[in-house]
Amino acid sequence: MIFAYICKVGLFGSLCAGMFLTSCMERENEEASKRVIEVGKALELARTVMNDDDEIDDYFDEIRYVPLETRDDCLVGSSPDIKLLDKYILITSANRQCLLFDKATGKFKCQIGHVGKDPGGYRNVDCLVDELNGRLLFNGWGHDLISYNLDGNYIGKIELLIFLKKYSCG
């Protein structure tokens, strides 16, 4: 009798666990489908939002979709800010990351620096792009800028007063 009771409880428990796991998988699939951006629909929506007299071609010379590489070390965080450089796509996010992707292929190139008070650390991910010299300039913790090259290598600190004197118009 005890054995029959254990078998019934075990069978019932297994059924409950199976239903629970199935429902979790369905929710996971629904969440994954929400993360997919349907580019064609987005472009059509842009066309319908614009005035009848306006054409997308009036605003853009070229529209190109570049799928970015997705690995654990290069996932774009929340509230991304995107800067298009000559050869790269620079993405900073609220997750305090600065990521560089190849503009032609979408392949991840490198992470640029980090937020922190240690040597090489910067205050936040908002940066100035000095593409002519191949560097990014971040706010430091004093009156300085933290400089990185486009390979993600730390160049050094630039004292802000010296920087302003060198690049001022007067």
C-alpha atoms as a PDB file:
ATOM      1  CA  MET A   1       0.000   0.000   0.000  1.00  0.00           C
ATOM      2  CA  ILE A   2       2.788   2.427   0.830  1.00  0.00           C
ATOM      3  CA  PHE A   3       4.546   1.424  -2.390  1.00  0.00           C
ATOM      4  CA  ALA A   4       1.392   2.203  -4.436  1.00  0.00           C
ATOM      5  CA  TYR A   5       1.086   5.604  -2.716  1.00  0.00           C
ATOM      6  CA  ILE A   6       4.748   6.445  -3.481  1.00  0.00           C
ATOM      7  CA  CYS A   7       4.263   5.434  -7.122  1.00  0.00           C
ATOM      8  CA  LYS A   8       1.161   7.670  -7.442  1.00  0.00           C
ATOM      9  CA  VAL A   9       2.896  10.639  -5.781  1.00  0.00           C
ATOM     10  CA  GLY A  10       6.011  10.062  -7.898  1.00  0.00           C
ATOM     11  CA  LEU A  11       3.961   9.910 -11.101  1.00  0.00           C
ATOM     12  CA  PHE A  12       2.029  13.041 -10.154  1.00  0.00           C
ATOM     13  CA  GLY A  13       5.250  14.871  -9.228  1.00  0.00           C
ATOM     14  CA  SER A  14       6.863  13.874 -12.516  1.00  0.00           C
ATOM     15  CA  LEU A  15       3.868  15.160 -14.482  1.00  0.00           C
ATOM     16  CA  CYS A  16       3.937  18.477 -12.587  1.00  0.00           C
ATOM     17  CA  ALA A  17       7.678  18.875 -13.147  1.00  0.00           C
ATOM     18  CA  GLY A  18       7.279  18.096 -16.861  1.00  0.00           C
ATOM     19  CA  MET A  19       4.507  20.674 -17.282  1.00  0.00           C
ATOM     20  CA  PHE A  20       6.545  23.261 -15.381  1.00  0.00           C
ATOM     21  CA  LEU A  21       9.656  22.711 -17.488  1.00  0.00           C
ATOM     22  CA  THR A  22       7.650  22.810 -20.711  1.00  0.00           C
ATOM     23  CA  SER A  23       6.044  26.115 -19.751  1.00  0.00           C
ATOM     24  CA  CYS A  24       9.477  27.563 -18.896  1.00  0.00           C
ATOM     25  CA  MET A  25      10.842  26.551 -22.283  1.00  0.00           C
ATOM     26  CA  GLU A  26       7.892  28.184 -24.045  1.00  0.00           C
ATOM     27  CA  ARG A  27       8.474  31.427 -22.132  1.00  0.00           C
ATOM     28  CA  GLU A  28      12.175  31.292 -22.988  1.00  0.00           C
ATOM     29  CA  ASN A  29      11.345  30.876 -26.685  1.00  0.00           C
ATOM     30  CA  GLU A  30       8.880  33.791 -26.485  1.00  0.00           C
ATOM     31  CA  GLU A  31      11.574  35.980 -24.871  1.00  0.00           C
ATOM     32  CA  ALA A  32      14.104  35.006 -27.556  1.00  0.00           C
ATOM     33  CA  SER A  33      11.640  35.883 -30.324  1.00  0.00           C
ATOM     34  CA  LYS A  34      11.134  39.339 -28.782  1.00  0.00           C
ATOM     35  CA  ARG A  35      14.861  40.041 -29.147  1.00  0.00           C
ATOM     36  CA  VAL A  36      14.863  39.486 -32.905  1.00  0.00           C
ATOM     37  CA  ILE A  37      14.677  42.684 -34.926  1.00  0.00           C
ATOM     38  CA  GLU A  38      12.875  42.233 -38.197  1.00  0.00           C
ATOM     39  CA  VAL A  39      14.718  44.743 -40.357  1.00  0.00           C
ATOM     40  CA  GLY A  40      12.263  44.647 -43.262  1.00  0.00           C
ATOM     41  CA  LYS A  41       9.335  45.518 -41.002  1.00  0.00           C
ATOM     42  CA  ALA A  42      11.351  48.287 -39.325  1.00  0.00           C
ATOM     43  CA  LEU A  43      12.152  49.881 -42.692  1.00  0.00           C
ATOM     44  CA  GLU A  44       8.527  49.655 -43.790  1.00  0.00           C
ATOM     45  CA  LEU A  45       7.465  51.273 -40.518  1.00  0.00           C
ATOM     46  CA  ALA A  46       9.967  54.084 -41.138  1.00  0.00           C
ATOM     47  CA  ARG A  47       8.452  54.629 -44.581  1.00  0.00           C
ATOM     48  CA  THR A  48       4.902  54.835 -43.201  1.00  0.00           C
ATOM     49  CA  VAL A  49       5.891  57.258 -40.431  1.00  0.00           C
ATOM     50  CA  MET A  50       7.513  59.677 -42.866  1.00  0.00           C
ATOM     51  CA  ASN A  51       5.466  62.229 -44.831  1.00  0.00           C
ATOM     52  CA  ASP A  52       4.080  61.146 -48.185  1.00  0.00           C
ATOM     53  CA  ASP A  53       6.398  63.625 -49.949  1.00  0.00           C
ATOM     54  CA  ASP A  54       9.495  62.326 -48.141  1.00  0.00           C
ATOM     55  CA  GLU A  55      11.437  59.301 -49.206  1.00  0.00           C
ATOM     56  CA  ILE A  56      14.003  57.419 -47.147  1.00  0.00           C
ATOM     57  CA  ASP A  57      16.414  58.030 -50.030  1.00  0.00           C
ATOM     58  CA  ASP A  58      16.148  61.764 -49.284  1.00  0.00           C
ATOM     59  CA  TYR A  59      17.725  61.147 -45.885  1.00  0.00           C
ATOM     60  CA  PHE A  60      20.110  58.245 -46.469  1.00  0.00           C
ATOM     61  CA  ASP A  61      22.509  57.446 -49.288  1.00  0.00           C
ATOM     62  CA  GLU A  62      22.642  53.802 -48.324  1.00  0.00           C
ATOM     63  CA  ILE A  63      20.846  51.556 -45.851  1.00  0.00           C
ATOM     64  CA  ARG A  64      22.777  48.458 -44.914  1.00  0.00           C
ATOM     65  CA  TYR A  65      22.075  45.855 -42.248  1.00  0.00           C
ATOM     66  CA  VAL A  66      25.198  44.640 -40.427  1.00  0.00           C
ATOM     67  CA  PRO A  67      24.553  41.750 -38.011  1.00  0.00           C
ATOM     68  CA  LEU A  68      26.915  42.139 -35.055  1.00  0.00           C
ATOM     69  CA  GLU A  69      28.852  39.172 -33.721  1.00  0.00           C
ATOM     70  CA  THR A  70      27.268  37.861 -30.517  1.00  0.00           C
ATOM     71  CA  ARG A  71      29.445  36.146 -27.955  1.00  0.00           C
ATOM     72  CA  ASP A  72      29.367  36.389 -24.185  1.00  0.00           C
ATOM     73  CA  ASP A  73      32.255  38.866 -24.170  1.00  0.00           C
ATOM     74  CA  CYS A  74      30.691  41.241 -26.706  1.00  0.00           C
ATOM     75  CA  LEU A  75      26.957  41.338 -25.979  1.00  0.00           C
ATOM     76  CA  VAL A  76      25.636  44.880 -26.185  1.00  0.00           C
ATOM     77  CA  GLY A  77      24.097  46.102 -22.931  1.00  0.00           C
ATOM     78  CA  SER A  78      21.068  48.261 -22.284  1.00  0.00           C
ATOM     79  CA  SER A  79      20.607  51.796 -23.645  1.00  0.00           C
ATOM     80  CA  PRO A  80      23.286  51.525 -26.338  1.00  0.00           C
ATOM     81  CA  ASP A  81      24.831  54.595 -27.944  1.00  0.00           C
ATOM     82  CA  ILE A  82      26.175  53.927 -31.438  1.00  0.00           C
ATOM     83  CA  LYS A  83      28.865  55.887 -33.247  1.00  0.00           C
ATOM     84  CA  LEU A  84      29.744  55.053 -36.852  1.00  0.00           C
ATOM     85  CA  LEU A  85      33.441  55.511 -37.569  1.00  0.00           C
ATOM     86  CA  ASP A  86      35.184  55.110 -40.909  1.00  0.00           C
ATOM     87  CA  LYS A  87      35.964  51.406 -40.427  1.00  0.00           C
ATOM     88  CA  TYR A  88      34.258  50.562 -37.135  1.00  0.00           C
ATOM     89  CA  ILE A  89      31.019  50.664 -35.189  1.00  0.00           C
ATOM     90  CA  LEU A  90      31.594  51.924 -31.638  1.00  0.00           C
ATOM     91  CA  ILE A  91      28.907  50.968 -29.135  1.00  0.00           C
ATOM     92  CA  THR A  92      28.783  52.168 -25.550  1.00  0.00           C
ATOM     93  CA  SER A  93      26.070  51.147 -23.139  1.00  0.00           C
ATOM     94  CA  ALA A  94      24.603  51.725 -19.702  1.00  0.00           C
ATOM     95  CA  ASN A  95      26.400  48.519 -18.661  1.00  0.00           C
ATOM     96  CA  ARG A  96      29.596  50.595 -18.678  1.00  0.00           C
ATOM     97  CA  GLN A  97      31.094  48.907 -21.690  1.00  0.00           C
ATOM     98  CA  CYS A  98      32.707  50.270 -24.832  1.00  0.00           C
ATOM     99  CA  LEU A  99      32.754  47.786 -27.713  1.00  0.00           C
ATOM    100  CA  LEU A 100      34.270  48.077 -31.175  1.00  0.00           C
ATOM    101  CA  PHE A 101      32.951  46.092 -34.162  1.00  0.00           C
ATOM    102  CA  ASP A 102      34.151  45.913 -37.754  1.00  0.00           C
ATOM    103  CA  LYS A 103      31.786  48.055 -39.817  1.00  0.00           C
ATOM    104  CA  ALA A 104      31.940  45.821 -42.907  1.00  0.00           C
ATOM    105  CA  THR A 105      31.490  42.416 -41.274  1.00  0.00           C
ATOM    106  CA  GLY A 106      30.032  43.068 -37.793  1.00  0.00           C
ATOM    107  CA  LYS A 107      32.867  41.015 -36.273  1.00  0.00           C
ATOM    108  CA  PHE A 108      33.811  41.978 -32.717  1.00  0.00           C
ATOM    109  CA  LYS A 109      37.217  43.680 -32.612  1.00  0.00           C
ATOM    110  CA  CYS A 110      37.785  44.558 -28.954  1.00  0.00           C
ATOM    111  CA  GLN A 111      36.528  46.108 -25.765  1.00  0.00           C
ATOM    112  CA  ILE A 112      38.046  49.520 -25.128  1.00  0.00           C
ATOM    113  CA  GLY A 113      39.192  50.120 -21.560  1.00  0.00           C
ATOM    114  CA  HIS A 114      37.019  49.986 -18.458  1.00  0.00           C
ATOM    115  CA  VAL A 115      35.278  52.170 -15.905  1.00  0.00           C
ATOM    116  CA  GLY A 116      37.334  52.377 -12.730  1.00  0.00           C
ATOM    117  CA  LYS A 117      39.671  54.513 -10.636  1.00  0.00           C
ATOM    118  CA  ASP A 118      42.682  52.287 -11.310  1.00  0.00           C
ATOM    119  CA  PRO A 119      45.365  53.196 -13.874  1.00  0.00           C
ATOM    120  CA  GLY A 120      43.738  53.128 -17.297  1.00  0.00           C
ATOM    121  CA  GLY A 121      40.237  53.382 -15.836  1.00  0.00           C
ATOM    122  CA  TYR A 122      37.878  56.132 -16.905  1.00  0.00           C
ATOM    123  CA  ARG A 123      34.874  57.853 -15.272  1.00  0.00           C
ATOM    124  CA  ASN A 124      32.202  56.800 -17.809  1.00  0.00           C
ATOM    125  CA  VAL A 125      31.894  55.379 -21.315  1.00  0.00           C
ATOM    126  CA  ASP A 126      31.002  58.666 -23.001  1.00  0.00           C
ATOM    127  CA  CYS A 127      33.974  59.407 -25.209  1.00  0.00           C
ATOM    128  CA  LEU A 128      35.311  61.690 -27.877  1.00  0.00           C
ATOM    129  CA  VAL A 129      36.434  60.018 -31.073  1.00  0.00           C
ATOM    130  CA  ASP A 130      39.703  61.299 -32.538  1.00  0.00           C
ATOM    131  CA  GLU A 131      39.617  59.185 -35.675  1.00  0.00           C
ATOM    132  CA  LEU A 132      42.383  61.185 -37.360  1.00  0.00           C
ATOM    133  CA  ASN A 133      44.832  60.018 -34.671  1.00  0.00           C
ATOM    134  CA  GLY A 134      43.104  56.651 -34.139  1.00  0.00           C
ATOM    135  CA  ARG A 135      42.155  57.147 -30.515  1.00  0.00           C
ATOM    136  CA  LEU A 136      39.266  57.520 -28.123  1.00  0.00           C
ATOM    137  CA  LEU A 137      39.314  60.050 -25.284  1.00  0.00           C
ATOM    138  CA  PHE A 138      37.389  59.323 -22.081  1.00  0.00           C
ATOM    139  CA  ASN A 139      36.795  61.519 -19.017  1.00  0.00           C
ATOM    140  CA  GLY A 140      39.319  60.727 -16.312  1.00  0.00           C
ATOM    141  CA  TRP A 141      38.842  61.271 -12.602  1.00  0.00           C
ATOM    142  CA  GLY A 142      40.669  64.591 -12.336  1.00  0.00           C
ATOM    143  CA  HIS A 143      41.363  67.240 -14.933  1.00  0.00           C
ATOM    144  CA  ASP A 144      42.491  64.686 -17.464  1.00  0.00           C
ATOM    145  CA  LEU A 145      41.443  62.561 -20.401  1.00  0.00           C
ATOM    146  CA  ILE A 146      42.146  58.831 -20.652  1.00  0.00           C
ATOM    147  CA  SER A 147      43.322  57.836 -24.113  1.00  0.00           C
ATOM    148  CA  TYR A 148      42.951  54.442 -25.846  1.00  0.00           C
ATOM    149  CA  ASN A 149      43.787  53.472 -29.401  1.00  0.00           C
ATOM    150  CA  LEU A 150      41.334  51.659 -31.683  1.00  0.00           C
ATOM    151  CA  ASP A 151      42.988  48.319 -30.851  1.00  0.00           C
ATOM    152  CA  GLY A 152      41.872  48.722 -27.237  1.00  0.00           C
ATOM    153  CA  ASN A 153      45.346  49.543 -25.930  1.00  0.00           C
ATOM    154  CA  TYR A 154      45.784  52.141 -23.204  1.00  0.00           C
ATOM    155  CA  ILE A 155      47.838  55.085 -24.470  1.00  0.00           C
ATOM    156  CA  GLY A 156      47.920  57.242 -21.355  1.00  0.00           C
ATOM    157  CA  LYS A 157      46.546  60.249 -19.529  1.00  0.00           C
ATOM    158  CA  ILE A 158      46.335  63.678 -21.096  1.00  0.00           C
ATOM    159  CA  GLU A 159      46.232  66.592 -18.686  1.00  0.00           C
ATOM    160  CA  LEU A 160      43.244  68.664 -19.748  1.00  0.00           C
ATOM    161  CA  LEU A 161      44.981  72.063 -19.476  1.00  0.00           C
ATOM    162  CA  ILE A 162      47.830  70.913 -21.749  1.00  0.00           C
ATOM    163  CA  PHE A 163      45.306  69.374 -24.174  1.00  0.00           C
ATOM    164  CA  LEU A 164      43.251  72.591 -24.338  1.00  0.00           C
ATOM    165  CA  LYS A 165      46.334  74.739 -24.926  1.00  0.00           C
ATOM    166  CA  LYS A 166      47.549  72.457 -27.723  1.00  0.00           C
ATOM    167  CA  TYR A 167      44.210  72.270 -29.572  1.00  0.00           C
ATOM    168  CA  SER A 168      42.707  75.687 -28.819  1.00  0.00           C
ATOM    169  CA  CYS A 169      41.844  78.103 -31.609  1.00  0.00           C
ATOM    170  CA  GLY A 170      43.541  81.107 -29.996  1.00  0.00           C
END
